[in-house]
Amino acid sequence: MSFGTYARHVRNPELPYRRRVSALRSCVQMYRPIGFHATLSFLAEIAGPLQRDEAALLRALDALAASRAGWHVDLRDYAAERRLAKRRGQRGPRPTDPNPNGFLRCWYGAPKQAAARRTLLASA
């Protein structure tokens, strides 16, 4: 399934709450900018107790979706820039060019806070 399908499951109040939490975890599995566990931990930090609080669950999904939307903006900008570069005859991207298609290392919208969470979990 897609991120959007899982997000709809998270927002569906007719589903059992545990299934909605599981759907959020599936969203995180599909978009985990700082790693799976670090992303879940960061979401719990900014949204509240996801396992018990419906409002926190929805805040977490909104934060995750906003970060993902920022990443998609970078992907579109990168694709447009690559098309222009190819028209100029520059077939391959330079190694120094930022490539949002590669491994994500930041949280779009709150990179410093998320980086601290990632570093904290990596050292544990």
C-alpha atoms as a PDB file:
ATOM      1  CA  MET A   1       0.000   0.000   0.000  1.00  0.00           C
ATOM      2  CA  SER A   2       0.991   3.626  -0.339  1.00  0.00           C
ATOM      3  CA  PHE A   3       1.770   6.334   2.192  1.00  0.00           C
ATOM      4  CA  GLY A   4      -1.566   7.987   1.401  1.00  0.00           C
ATOM      5  CA  THR A   5      -3.506   4.773   2.014  1.00  0.00           C
ATOM      6  CA  TYR A   6      -1.858   4.270   5.395  1.00  0.00           C
ATOM      7  CA  ALA A   7      -2.446   7.942   6.239  1.00  0.00           C
ATOM      8  CA  ARG A   8      -6.162   7.507   5.516  1.00  0.00           C
ATOM      9  CA  HIS A   9      -6.188   4.519   7.871  1.00  0.00           C
ATOM     10  CA  VAL A  10      -4.592   6.643  10.608  1.00  0.00           C
ATOM     11  CA  ARG A  11      -7.296   9.281  10.166  1.00  0.00           C
ATOM     12  CA  ASN A  12     -10.189   6.780  10.055  1.00  0.00           C
ATOM     13  CA  PRO A  13     -11.951   6.867  13.471  1.00  0.00           C
ATOM     14  CA  GLU A  14     -13.956   3.753  12.587  1.00  0.00           C
ATOM     15  CA  LEU A  15     -10.849   1.555  12.699  1.00  0.00           C
ATOM     16  CA  PRO A  16      -9.625   0.100  15.992  1.00  0.00           C
ATOM     17  CA  TYR A  17      -7.099   2.456  17.595  1.00  0.00           C
ATOM     18  CA  ARG A  18      -4.284  -0.117  17.587  1.00  0.00           C
ATOM     19  CA  ARG A  19      -4.724  -0.533  13.827  1.00  0.00           C
ATOM     20  CA  ARG A  20      -4.485   3.227  13.364  1.00  0.00           C
ATOM     21  CA  VAL A  21      -1.232   3.295  15.352  1.00  0.00           C
ATOM     22  CA  SER A  22       0.026   0.419  13.216  1.00  0.00           C
ATOM     23  CA  ALA A  23      -0.886   2.401  10.100  1.00  0.00           C
ATOM     24  CA  LEU A  24       1.195   5.329  11.385  1.00  0.00           C
ATOM     25  CA  ARG A  25       4.125   2.963  11.863  1.00  0.00           C
ATOM     26  CA  SER A  26       3.607   1.838   8.258  1.00  0.00           C
ATOM     27  CA  CYS A  27       3.719   5.477   7.151  1.00  0.00           C
ATOM     28  CA  VAL A  28       7.001   5.829   9.026  1.00  0.00           C
ATOM     29  CA  GLN A  29       8.287   2.666   7.351  1.00  0.00           C
ATOM     30  CA  MET A  30       7.618   4.268   3.967  1.00  0.00           C
ATOM     31  CA  TYR A  31       9.075   7.680   4.862  1.00  0.00           C
ATOM     32  CA  ARG A  32      11.719   7.594   7.579  1.00  0.00           C
ATOM     33  CA  PRO A  33      13.998  10.575   7.012  1.00  0.00           C
ATOM     34  CA  ILE A  34      16.116   9.972  10.113  1.00  0.00           C
ATOM     35  CA  GLY A  35      15.606   6.227  10.454  1.00  0.00           C
ATOM     36  CA  PHE A  36      12.594   4.246  11.652  1.00  0.00           C
ATOM     37  CA  HIS A  37      13.108   4.341  15.424  1.00  0.00           C
ATOM     38  CA  ALA A  38      14.448   7.892  15.475  1.00  0.00           C
ATOM     39  CA  THR A  39      11.486   9.095  13.390  1.00  0.00           C
ATOM     40  CA  LEU A  40       8.971   7.399  15.712  1.00  0.00           C
ATOM     41  CA  SER A  41      10.741   8.818  18.747  1.00  0.00           C
ATOM     42  CA  PHE A  42      10.845  12.310  17.251  1.00  0.00           C
ATOM     43  CA  LEU A  43       7.137  12.119  16.392  1.00  0.00           C
ATOM     44  CA  ALA A  44       6.329  11.081  19.961  1.00  0.00           C
ATOM     45  CA  GLU A  45       8.458  13.967  21.225  1.00  0.00           C
ATOM     46  CA  ILE A  46       6.723  16.616  19.133  1.00  0.00           C
ATOM     47  CA  ALA A  47       3.181  15.179  19.134  1.00  0.00           C
ATOM     48  CA  GLY A  48       2.788  13.432  22.476  1.00  0.00           C
ATOM     49  CA  PRO A  49       1.940   9.845  23.484  1.00  0.00           C
ATOM     50  CA  LEU A  50       0.944   8.223  20.197  1.00  0.00           C
ATOM     51  CA  GLN A  51      -0.111   4.924  21.759  1.00  0.00           C
ATOM     52  CA  ARG A  52      -2.824   6.490  23.952  1.00  0.00           C
ATOM     53  CA  ASP A  53      -3.836   9.884  22.590  1.00  0.00           C
ATOM     54  CA  GLU A  54      -5.778  10.235  19.342  1.00  0.00           C
ATOM     55  CA  ALA A  55      -4.953  13.935  19.013  1.00  0.00           C
ATOM     56  CA  ALA A  56      -1.239  13.096  19.366  1.00  0.00           C
ATOM     57  CA  LEU A  57      -1.572  10.401  16.715  1.00  0.00           C
ATOM     58  CA  LEU A  58      -3.096  12.873  14.278  1.00  0.00           C
ATOM     59  CA  ARG A  59      -0.479  15.548  15.127  1.00  0.00           C
ATOM     60  CA  ALA A  60       2.255  12.997  14.465  1.00  0.00           C
ATOM     61  CA  LEU A  61       0.769  12.085  11.101  1.00  0.00           C
ATOM     62  CA  ASP A  62       0.476  15.764  10.178  1.00  0.00           C
ATOM     63  CA  ALA A  63       4.124  16.381  11.124  1.00  0.00           C
ATOM     64  CA  LEU A  64       5.263  13.359   9.133  1.00  0.00           C
ATOM     65  CA  ALA A  65       3.163  14.351   6.117  1.00  0.00           C
ATOM     66  CA  ALA A  66       4.485  17.938   6.258  1.00  0.00           C
ATOM     67  CA  SER A  67       8.083  16.710   6.283  1.00  0.00           C
ATOM     68  CA  ARG A  68       7.335  14.371   3.399  1.00  0.00           C
ATOM     69  CA  ALA A  69       5.720  17.221   1.443  1.00  0.00           C
ATOM     70  CA  GLY A  70       8.893  19.292   1.911  1.00  0.00           C
ATOM     71  CA  TRP A  71      10.946  16.397   0.589  1.00  0.00           C
ATOM     72  CA  HIS A  72       8.639  16.136  -2.441  1.00  0.00           C
ATOM     73  CA  VAL A  73       9.188  19.833  -3.178  1.00  0.00           C
ATOM     74  CA  ASP A  74      12.945  19.191  -3.191  1.00  0.00           C
ATOM     75  CA  LEU A  75      12.432  16.178  -5.472  1.00  0.00           C
ATOM     76  CA  ARG A  76      10.453  18.269  -7.963  1.00  0.00           C
ATOM     77  CA  ASP A  77      13.041  21.077  -7.864  1.00  0.00           C
ATOM     78  CA  TYR A  78      15.872  18.588  -8.363  1.00  0.00           C
ATOM     79  CA  ALA A  79      14.080  16.957 -11.314  1.00  0.00           C
ATOM     80  CA  ALA A  80      13.527  20.350 -12.946  1.00  0.00           C
ATOM     81  CA  GLU A  81      17.181  21.302 -12.438  1.00  0.00           C
ATOM     82  CA  ARG A  82      18.356  17.970 -13.869  1.00  0.00           C
ATOM     83  CA  ARG A  83      16.191  18.462 -16.976  1.00  0.00           C
ATOM     84  CA  LEU A  84      17.783  21.879 -17.536  1.00  0.00           C
ATOM     85  CA  ALA A  85      21.272  20.465 -16.976  1.00  0.00           C
ATOM     86  CA  LYS A  86      20.646  17.701 -19.497  1.00  0.00           C
ATOM     87  CA  ARG A  87      19.522  20.269 -22.081  1.00  0.00           C
ATOM     88  CA  ARG A  88      22.822  22.057 -21.493  1.00  0.00           C
ATOM     89  CA  GLY A  89      24.644  18.770 -22.175  1.00  0.00           C
ATOM     90  CA  GLN A  90      25.508  17.972 -18.566  1.00  0.00           C
ATOM     91  CA  ARG A  91      24.361  14.344 -18.567  1.00  0.00           C
ATOM     92  CA  GLY A  92      25.455  13.204 -15.118  1.00  0.00           C
ATOM     93  CA  PRO A  93      24.992  15.104 -11.887  1.00  0.00           C
ATOM     94  CA  ARG A  94      28.145  16.279 -10.193  1.00  0.00           C
ATOM     95  CA  PRO A  95      29.051  14.430  -6.994  1.00  0.00           C
ATOM     96  CA  THR A  96      28.776  17.695  -5.079  1.00  0.00           C
ATOM     97  CA  ASP A  97      25.190  18.355  -6.211  1.00  0.00           C
ATOM     98  CA  PRO A  98      22.622  17.634  -3.497  1.00  0.00           C
ATOM     99  CA  ASN A  99      20.430  14.704  -4.498  1.00  0.00           C
ATOM    100  CA  PRO A 100      17.156  14.277  -2.583  1.00  0.00           C
ATOM    101  CA  ASN A 101      16.666  10.859  -4.229  1.00  0.00           C
ATOM    102  CA  GLY A 102      19.457   9.416  -2.137  1.00  0.00           C
ATOM    103  CA  PHE A 103      19.548   8.519   1.530  1.00  0.00           C
ATOM    104  CA  LEU A 104      17.656  11.095   3.583  1.00  0.00           C
ATOM    105  CA  ARG A 105      19.557  12.540   6.506  1.00  0.00           C
ATOM    106  CA  CYS A 106      17.297  15.307   7.725  1.00  0.00           C
ATOM    107  CA  TRP A 107      13.791  16.088   8.820  1.00  0.00           C
ATOM    108  CA  TYR A 108      12.213  18.663   6.540  1.00  0.00           C
ATOM    109  CA  GLY A 109      10.887  21.514   8.663  1.00  0.00           C
ATOM    110  CA  ALA A 110      12.871  20.818  11.858  1.00  0.00           C
ATOM    111  CA  PRO A 111      16.315  19.527  10.875  1.00  0.00           C
ATOM    112  CA  LYS A 112      18.180  20.550  14.033  1.00  0.00           C
ATOM    113  CA  GLN A 113      15.667  19.075  16.472  1.00  0.00           C
ATOM    114  CA  ALA A 114      15.415  15.819  14.523  1.00  0.00           C
ATOM    115  CA  ALA A 115      19.192  15.589  14.159  1.00  0.00           C
ATOM    116  CA  ALA A 116      19.519  15.778  17.916  1.00  0.00           C
ATOM    117  CA  ARG A 117      17.013  12.922  18.272  1.00  0.00           C
ATOM    118  CA  ARG A 118      18.867  10.837  15.684  1.00  0.00           C
ATOM    119  CA  THR A 119      22.204  11.409  17.413  1.00  0.00           C
ATOM    120  CA  LEU A 120      20.725  10.589  20.821  1.00  0.00           C
ATOM    121  CA  LEU A 121      19.282   7.273  19.619  1.00  0.00           C
ATOM    122  CA  ALA A 122      22.437   6.342  17.727  1.00  0.00           C
ATOM    123  CA  SER A 123      24.562   6.736  20.837  1.00  0.00           C
ATOM    124  CA  ALA A 124      22.213   4.651  23.012  1.00  0.00           C
END
